[in-house]
Amino acid sequence: METRVAVITIIVSDMNSVEKINELLHEAAPFVIGRMGIPYHAKNISIITVAIDAPQDITSEVSGRIGCLEGVTVKTTYSNVVG
């Protein structure tokens, strides 16, 4: 199985979506390298970054499902490292 390293950046403006984000990330746990969450109280948002090493279809599915949640914006950056 060929995997690719990527970083999923998530900006959450609707805190009601946080529980579902955590559920989706838990499903992808075998592929997650690390995760960092930063609450930004001045703008009432949270910023989450997730480093992942997974097949590209898994990464796309996770980021797509998270991006469909209310009050959530997602961008995924892929590295050139494939293996």
Protein backbone atom coordinates (compact mmCIF):
# COMPACT_ATOMS: atom_id res chain seq x y z
CA MET A 1 0.00 0.00 0.00
CA GLU A 2 1.55 3.27 -1.14
CA THR A 3 1.17 6.15 1.30
CA ARG A 4 1.83 9.86 1.13
CA VAL A 5 2.65 12.28 3.92
CA ALA A 6 0.24 15.20 4.20
CA VAL A 7 -0.90 17.90 6.61
CA ILE A 8 -4.60 18.54 7.10
CA THR A 9 -5.34 22.04 8.40
CA ILE A 10 -8.75 22.53 9.99
CA ILE A 11 -10.29 25.84 11.10
CA VAL A 12 -13.37 25.44 13.29
CA SER A 13 -15.78 28.32 13.82
CA ASP A 14 -18.73 26.18 15.02
CA MET A 15 -17.67 24.37 18.18
CA ASN A 16 -20.65 22.03 17.82
CA SER A 17 -18.65 20.28 15.07
CA VAL A 18 -15.67 19.45 17.29
CA GLU A 19 -17.04 16.12 18.55
CA LYS A 20 -17.64 14.87 15.00
CA ILE A 21 -14.15 16.04 13.93
CA ASN A 22 -12.67 14.02 16.78
CA GLU A 23 -14.70 10.95 15.76
CA LEU A 24 -13.48 11.19 12.16
CA LEU A 25 -9.86 11.66 13.23
CA HIS A 26 -10.18 8.70 15.60
CA GLU A 27 -11.23 6.54 12.63
CA ALA A 28 -8.02 7.60 10.85
CA ALA A 29 -5.86 7.06 13.96
CA PRO A 30 -3.70 4.29 12.44
CA PHE A 31 -2.44 6.81 9.88
CA VAL A 32 -2.07 9.90 12.09
CA ILE A 33 1.52 10.91 12.83
CA GLY A 34 0.60 13.76 15.17
CA ARG A 35 -1.98 16.40 15.92
CA MET A 36 -1.97 19.92 17.36
CA GLY A 37 -4.98 21.99 18.38
CA ILE A 38 -4.86 25.70 19.14
CA PRO A 39 -7.87 27.59 20.53
CA TYR A 40 -7.80 31.18 19.28
CA HIS A 41 -10.12 32.95 21.69
CA ALA A 42 -9.70 36.40 20.14
CA LYS A 43 -11.47 35.19 16.98
CA ASN A 44 -13.60 32.47 18.66
CA ILE A 45 -12.13 29.71 16.46
CA SER A 46 -9.95 26.66 16.88
CA ILE A 47 -7.10 25.69 14.57
CA ILE A 48 -6.23 22.01 14.25
CA THR A 49 -3.34 20.56 12.25
CA VAL A 50 -3.00 16.85 11.62
CA ALA A 51 0.08 15.21 10.11
CA ILE A 52 -0.91 11.98 8.35
CA ASP A 53 0.84 9.23 6.40
CA ALA A 54 -1.88 7.40 4.50
CA PRO A 55 -2.98 6.32 1.05
CA GLN A 56 -4.11 9.42 -0.81
CA ASP A 57 -7.72 8.22 -1.00
CA ILE A 58 -7.87 7.86 2.81
CA THR A 59 -6.44 11.36 3.33
CA SER A 60 -8.90 12.81 0.80
CA GLU A 61 -11.82 11.01 2.41
CA VAL A 62 -10.95 12.20 5.92
CA SER A 63 -10.42 15.82 4.87
CA GLY A 64 -13.54 15.76 2.68
CA ARG A 65 -15.78 14.39 5.43
CA ILE A 66 -14.43 16.93 7.92
CA GLY A 67 -14.84 19.74 5.40
CA CYS A 68 -18.55 18.95 5.02
CA LEU A 69 -19.22 19.76 8.67
CA GLU A 70 -20.96 22.99 9.64
CA GLY A 71 -18.57 25.85 10.46
CA VAL A 72 -15.45 23.95 9.38
CA THR A 73 -12.86 24.85 6.72
CA VAL A 74 -10.25 22.29 5.63
CA LYS A 75 -7.15 22.47 3.43
CA THR A 76 -4.81 19.57 2.79
CA THR A 77 -1.20 19.92 1.72
CA TYR A 78 0.53 16.87 0.27
CA SER A 79 4.27 16.25 0.37
CA ASN A 80 6.25 14.75 -2.48
CA VAL A 81 7.25 11.90 -0.13
CA VAL A 82 5.57 8.73 -1.37
CA GLY A 83 6.33 5.27 -0.08
